[in-house]
Amino acid sequence: MMSGMAVEGVVREWHPEQGWGVIDAQDTPGGCWAHFSNVAIDGYRELARGQVVCLEWEAVNQEGFCYRARRVWPKGAASIDSVGETVTDAYSSTVRWSFDLPE
């Protein structure tokens, strides 16, 4: 199940060093887990404890919470549409696996 429209919530906690937090909203009892990649703002994607936000959520089990934010942004701010699709040169990683088949 997903929210059809944005609801208002308050950031309960935010861990900037780990890039995630929990948002409390009436529609997400027990809290809604949020990741920095789903913060729909330009620039550095961070929220602050006590901040009022708008969020779109989905009902899934994430890190012990029954809800996960699909998109979240500060109340009164414009949200961006390309959440989770930011391409940056700040960090890049590649893993390549190869196996030798037995003869």
N, C-alpha and C. Protein backbone atom coordinates (compact mmCIF):
# COMPACT_ATOMS: atom_id res chain seq x y z
N MET A 1 0.84 -1.18 0.00
CA MET A 1 0.00 0.00 0.00
C MET A 1 0.89 1.24 0.00
N MET A 2 0.49 2.23 -0.77
CA MET A 2 1.22 3.49 -0.83
C MET A 2 0.28 4.65 -0.55
N SER A 3 0.85 5.71 -0.03
CA SER A 3 0.04 6.92 0.14
C SER A 3 -0.24 7.50 -1.24
N GLY A 4 -1.45 7.96 -1.44
CA GLY A 4 -1.81 8.54 -2.72
C GLY A 4 -1.42 10.00 -2.83
N MET A 5 -1.24 10.63 -1.68
CA MET A 5 -0.86 12.04 -1.69
C MET A 5 0.07 12.29 -0.51
N ALA A 6 0.71 13.42 -0.53
CA ALA A 6 1.66 13.75 0.53
C ALA A 6 0.93 14.03 1.84
N VAL A 7 1.52 13.58 2.93
CA VAL A 7 1.00 13.85 4.26
C VAL A 7 2.06 14.63 5.03
N GLU A 8 1.64 15.27 6.09
CA GLU A 8 2.55 16.06 6.90
C GLU A 8 3.11 15.20 8.03
N GLY A 9 4.37 15.40 8.33
CA GLY A 9 5.01 14.67 9.42
C GLY A 9 6.07 15.52 10.09
N VAL A 10 6.65 14.97 11.14
CA VAL A 10 7.71 15.64 11.89
C VAL A 10 8.88 14.68 12.01
N VAL A 11 10.08 15.18 11.75
CA VAL A 11 11.28 14.35 11.84
C VAL A 11 11.55 14.04 13.31
N ARG A 12 11.47 12.76 13.67
CA ARG A 12 11.73 12.31 15.03
C ARG A 12 13.23 12.28 15.30
N GLU A 13 13.96 11.74 14.34
CA GLU A 13 15.43 11.66 14.46
C GLU A 13 16.03 11.63 13.07
N TRP A 14 17.25 12.15 12.97
CA TRP A 14 17.97 12.13 11.69
C TRP A 14 19.44 11.88 11.99
N HIS A 15 20.02 10.92 11.28
CA HIS A 15 21.43 10.54 11.47
C HIS A 15 22.20 10.95 10.21
N PRO A 16 22.72 12.18 10.16
CA PRO A 16 23.38 12.66 8.95
C PRO A 16 24.60 11.84 8.56
N GLU A 17 25.31 11.31 9.56
CA GLU A 17 26.50 10.52 9.25
C GLU A 17 26.14 9.18 8.61
N GLN A 18 24.92 8.70 8.83
CA GLN A 18 24.47 7.44 8.24
C GLN A 18 23.46 7.65 7.12
N GLY A 19 22.89 8.85 7.02
CA GLY A 19 21.99 9.18 5.92
C GLY A 19 20.58 8.65 6.03
N TRP A 20 20.07 8.51 7.25
CA TRP A 20 18.70 8.05 7.41
C TRP A 20 18.09 8.64 8.67
N GLY A 21 16.76 8.50 8.76
CA GLY A 21 16.06 8.98 9.94
C GLY A 21 14.66 8.41 10.02
N VAL A 22 13.89 8.91 10.98
CA VAL A 22 12.53 8.45 11.21
C VAL A 22 11.61 9.67 11.25
N ILE A 23 10.48 9.55 10.57
CA ILE A 23 9.50 10.62 10.51
C ILE A 23 8.20 10.11 11.12
N ASP A 24 7.60 10.90 12.00
CA ASP A 24 6.31 10.56 12.59
C ASP A 24 5.21 11.30 11.85
N ALA A 25 4.19 10.54 11.43
CA ALA A 25 3.03 11.11 10.75
C ALA A 25 1.80 10.32 11.20
N GLN A 26 0.66 10.95 11.18
CA GLN A 26 -0.57 10.29 11.60
C GLN A 26 -0.85 9.04 10.77
N ASP A 27 -0.52 9.06 9.49
CA ASP A 27 -0.79 7.92 8.60
C ASP A 27 0.23 6.80 8.72
N THR A 28 1.33 7.03 9.46
CA THR A 28 2.39 6.01 9.58
C THR A 28 2.69 5.75 11.06
N PRO A 29 1.76 5.12 11.78
CA PRO A 29 1.97 4.89 13.21
C PRO A 29 3.22 4.06 13.49
N GLY A 30 4.00 4.48 14.47
CA GLY A 30 5.24 3.80 14.80
C GLY A 30 6.44 4.39 14.10
N GLY A 31 6.20 5.27 13.14
CA GLY A 31 7.29 5.94 12.44
C GLY A 31 7.50 5.45 11.02
N CYS A 32 8.06 6.32 10.22
CA CYS A 32 8.33 6.04 8.81
C CYS A 32 9.83 6.21 8.59
N TRP A 33 10.50 5.14 8.15
CA TRP A 33 11.93 5.16 7.90
C TRP A 33 12.19 5.99 6.64
N ALA A 34 13.22 6.82 6.67
CA ALA A 34 13.54 7.67 5.52
C ALA A 34 15.04 7.64 5.25
N HIS A 35 15.40 7.61 3.97
CA HIS A 35 16.80 7.61 3.53
C HIS A 35 17.09 8.93 2.84
N PHE A 36 18.34 9.39 2.95
CA PHE A 36 18.69 10.69 2.34
C PHE A 36 18.42 10.73 0.85
N SER A 37 18.50 9.60 0.16
CA SER A 37 18.28 9.59 -1.29
C SER A 37 16.83 9.88 -1.65
N ASN A 38 15.93 9.83 -0.67
CA ASN A 38 14.52 10.13 -0.92
C ASN A 38 14.13 11.52 -0.44
N VAL A 39 15.11 12.31 0.01
CA VAL A 39 14.84 13.69 0.38
C VAL A 39 14.82 14.50 -0.92
N ALA A 40 13.65 15.02 -1.24
CA ALA A 40 13.41 15.64 -2.55
C ALA A 40 13.68 17.14 -2.54
N ILE A 41 14.95 17.49 -2.32
CA ILE A 41 15.38 18.89 -2.37
C ILE A 41 16.67 18.98 -3.16
N ASP A 42 16.95 20.15 -3.69
CA ASP A 42 18.22 20.38 -4.36
C ASP A 42 19.31 20.53 -3.32
N GLY A 43 20.52 20.20 -3.69
CA GLY A 43 21.64 20.38 -2.79
C GLY A 43 21.81 19.22 -1.83
N TYR A 44 22.39 19.51 -0.69
CA TYR A 44 22.67 18.49 0.32
C TYR A 44 21.36 17.99 0.92
N ARG A 45 21.14 16.70 0.87
CA ARG A 45 19.87 16.11 1.29
C ARG A 45 19.93 15.69 2.75
N GLU A 46 19.49 16.59 3.61
CA GLU A 46 19.52 16.34 5.04
C GLU A 46 18.27 16.94 5.67
N LEU A 47 17.79 16.31 6.72
CA LEU A 47 16.67 16.82 7.49
C LEU A 47 17.15 17.06 8.92
N ALA A 48 16.32 17.74 9.72
CA ALA A 48 16.70 18.05 11.09
C ALA A 48 15.62 17.57 12.06
N ARG A 49 16.03 17.10 13.20
CA ARG A 49 15.09 16.66 14.23
C ARG A 49 14.11 17.79 14.53
N GLY A 50 12.80 17.46 14.55
CA GLY A 50 11.76 18.45 14.83
C GLY A 50 11.25 19.18 13.60
N GLN A 51 11.89 18.99 12.46
CA GLN A 51 11.50 19.67 11.23
C GLN A 51 10.17 19.13 10.72
N VAL A 52 9.29 20.03 10.28
CA VAL A 52 8.01 19.64 9.70
C VAL A 52 8.24 19.38 8.22
N VAL A 53 7.78 18.22 7.75
CA VAL A 53 8.01 17.80 6.37
C VAL A 53 6.72 17.29 5.74
N CYS A 54 6.75 17.17 4.43
CA CYS A 54 5.71 16.48 3.67
C CYS A 54 6.34 15.18 3.19
N LEU A 55 5.56 14.10 3.16
CA LEU A 55 6.13 12.85 2.70
C LEU A 55 5.10 11.99 1.98
N GLU A 56 5.62 11.22 1.05
CA GLU A 56 4.87 10.16 0.39
C GLU A 56 5.51 8.87 0.89
N TRP A 57 4.71 7.89 1.26
CA TRP A 57 5.23 6.69 1.91
C TRP A 57 4.66 5.44 1.28
N GLU A 58 5.28 4.31 1.64
CA GLU A 58 4.77 3.00 1.24
C GLU A 58 4.85 2.07 2.44
N ALA A 59 3.93 1.12 2.49
CA ALA A 59 3.88 0.16 3.60
C ALA A 59 4.75 -1.04 3.26
N VAL A 60 5.97 -1.03 3.80
CA VAL A 60 6.93 -2.13 3.65
C VAL A 60 7.73 -2.23 4.95
N ASN A 61 8.33 -3.36 5.19
CA ASN A 61 9.17 -3.52 6.37
C ASN A 61 10.57 -3.01 6.03
N GLN A 62 10.99 -1.96 6.72
CA GLN A 62 12.32 -1.37 6.47
C GLN A 62 12.97 -1.08 7.81
N GLU A 63 14.05 -1.80 8.12
CA GLU A 63 14.84 -1.56 9.33
C GLU A 63 13.97 -1.56 10.59
N GLY A 64 12.97 -2.44 10.63
CA GLY A 64 12.12 -2.56 11.80
C GLY A 64 10.92 -1.62 11.82
N PHE A 65 10.75 -0.82 10.78
CA PHE A 65 9.60 0.07 10.67
C PHE A 65 8.65 -0.48 9.62
N CYS A 66 7.35 -0.26 9.80
CA CYS A 66 6.34 -0.77 8.86
C CYS A 66 6.16 0.14 7.65
N TYR A 67 6.78 1.31 7.68
CA TYR A 67 6.61 2.28 6.60
C TYR A 67 7.97 2.82 6.15
N ARG A 68 8.04 3.16 4.87
CA ARG A 68 9.26 3.73 4.30
C ARG A 68 8.86 4.94 3.45
N ALA A 69 9.60 6.02 3.60
CA ALA A 69 9.35 7.22 2.80
C ALA A 69 9.79 6.98 1.36
N ARG A 70 8.92 7.29 0.41
CA ARG A 70 9.28 7.24 -1.00
C ARG A 70 9.83 8.59 -1.45
N ARG A 71 9.32 9.65 -0.81
CA ARG A 71 9.76 11.01 -1.11
C ARG A 71 9.42 11.88 0.09
N VAL A 72 10.35 12.72 0.50
CA VAL A 72 10.13 13.60 1.64
C VAL A 72 10.82 14.94 1.36
N TRP A 73 10.17 16.04 1.78
CA TRP A 73 10.73 17.37 1.58
C TRP A 73 10.20 18.30 2.66
N PRO A 74 10.93 19.37 2.98
CA PRO A 74 10.49 20.30 4.01
C PRO A 74 9.16 20.95 3.64
N LYS A 75 8.27 21.07 4.62
CA LYS A 75 6.97 21.70 4.37
C LYS A 75 7.20 23.14 3.90
N GLY A 76 6.48 23.52 2.87
CA GLY A 76 6.60 24.87 2.32
C GLY A 76 7.66 25.00 1.24
N ALA A 77 8.49 23.99 1.08
CA ALA A 77 9.53 24.02 0.04
C ALA A 77 9.03 23.26 -1.19
N ALA A 78 9.56 23.62 -2.33
CA ALA A 78 9.25 22.88 -3.55
C ALA A 78 10.03 21.58 -3.55
N SER A 79 9.38 20.49 -3.95
CA SER A 79 10.08 19.21 -4.04
C SER A 79 10.58 19.00 -5.45
N ILE A 80 11.63 18.23 -5.59
CA ILE A 80 12.13 17.88 -6.92
C ILE A 80 11.59 16.51 -7.29
N ASP A 81 11.54 16.21 -8.58
CA ASP A 81 10.95 14.96 -9.05
C ASP A 81 11.96 13.83 -9.18
N SER A 82 13.23 14.13 -9.27
CA SER A 82 14.23 13.09 -9.58
C SER A 82 14.84 12.48 -8.32
N VAL A 83 14.01 12.15 -7.35
CA VAL A 83 14.50 11.56 -6.10
C VAL A 83 15.13 10.21 -6.37
N GLY A 84 16.29 9.97 -5.78
CA GLY A 84 16.97 8.70 -5.91
C GLY A 84 17.69 8.50 -7.22
N GLU A 85 17.69 9.51 -8.09
CA GLU A 85 18.30 9.38 -9.41
C GLU A 85 19.45 10.34 -9.62
N THR A 86 19.95 10.91 -8.54
CA THR A 86 21.03 11.89 -8.66
C THR A 86 22.32 11.21 -9.10
N VAL A 87 22.94 11.77 -10.12
CA VAL A 87 24.23 11.27 -10.58
C VAL A 87 25.27 12.28 -10.13
N THR A 88 26.32 11.79 -9.49
CA THR A 88 27.33 12.68 -8.95
C THR A 88 28.70 12.05 -9.09
N ASP A 89 29.72 12.88 -9.14
CA ASP A 89 31.09 12.39 -9.16
C ASP A 89 31.66 12.25 -7.75
N ALA A 90 30.84 12.54 -6.74
CA ALA A 90 31.34 12.52 -5.37
C ALA A 90 31.76 11.13 -4.93
N TYR A 91 31.08 10.10 -5.40
CA TYR A 91 31.43 8.74 -5.02
C TYR A 91 31.04 7.81 -6.15
N SER A 92 31.92 6.91 -6.45
CA SER A 92 31.63 5.94 -7.50
C SER A 92 32.29 4.63 -7.14
N SER A 93 31.62 3.54 -7.43
CA SER A 93 32.16 2.23 -7.11
C SER A 93 31.72 1.24 -8.17
N THR A 94 32.59 0.32 -8.51
CA THR A 94 32.27 -0.72 -9.48
C THR A 94 32.78 -2.04 -8.96
N VAL A 95 31.98 -3.07 -9.11
CA VAL A 95 32.39 -4.41 -8.74
C VAL A 95 32.22 -5.28 -9.97
N ARG A 96 33.25 -6.02 -10.29
CA ARG A 96 33.20 -6.92 -11.44
C ARG A 96 33.61 -8.31 -10.97
N TRP A 97 32.78 -9.29 -11.19
CA TRP A 97 33.06 -10.66 -10.81
C TRP A 97 33.34 -11.49 -12.04
N SER A 98 34.32 -12.34 -11.94
CA SER A 98 34.57 -13.30 -13.02
C SER A 98 34.99 -14.60 -12.38
N PHE A 99 34.61 -15.67 -13.02
CA PHE A 99 34.91 -17.00 -12.50
C PHE A 99 35.57 -17.83 -13.58
N ASP A 100 36.54 -18.60 -13.18
CA ASP A 100 37.15 -19.55 -14.08
C ASP A 100 36.37 -20.85 -13.97
N LEU A 101 35.89 -21.33 -15.09
CA LEU A 101 35.16 -22.58 -15.08
C LEU A 101 36.13 -23.75 -14.97
N PRO A 102 35.75 -24.75 -14.21
CA PRO A 102 36.65 -25.92 -14.08
C PRO A 102 36.80 -26.63 -15.44
N GLU A 103 37.96 -27.18 -15.67
CA GLU A 103 38.21 -27.86 -16.95
C GLU A 103 37.60 -29.24 -16.96
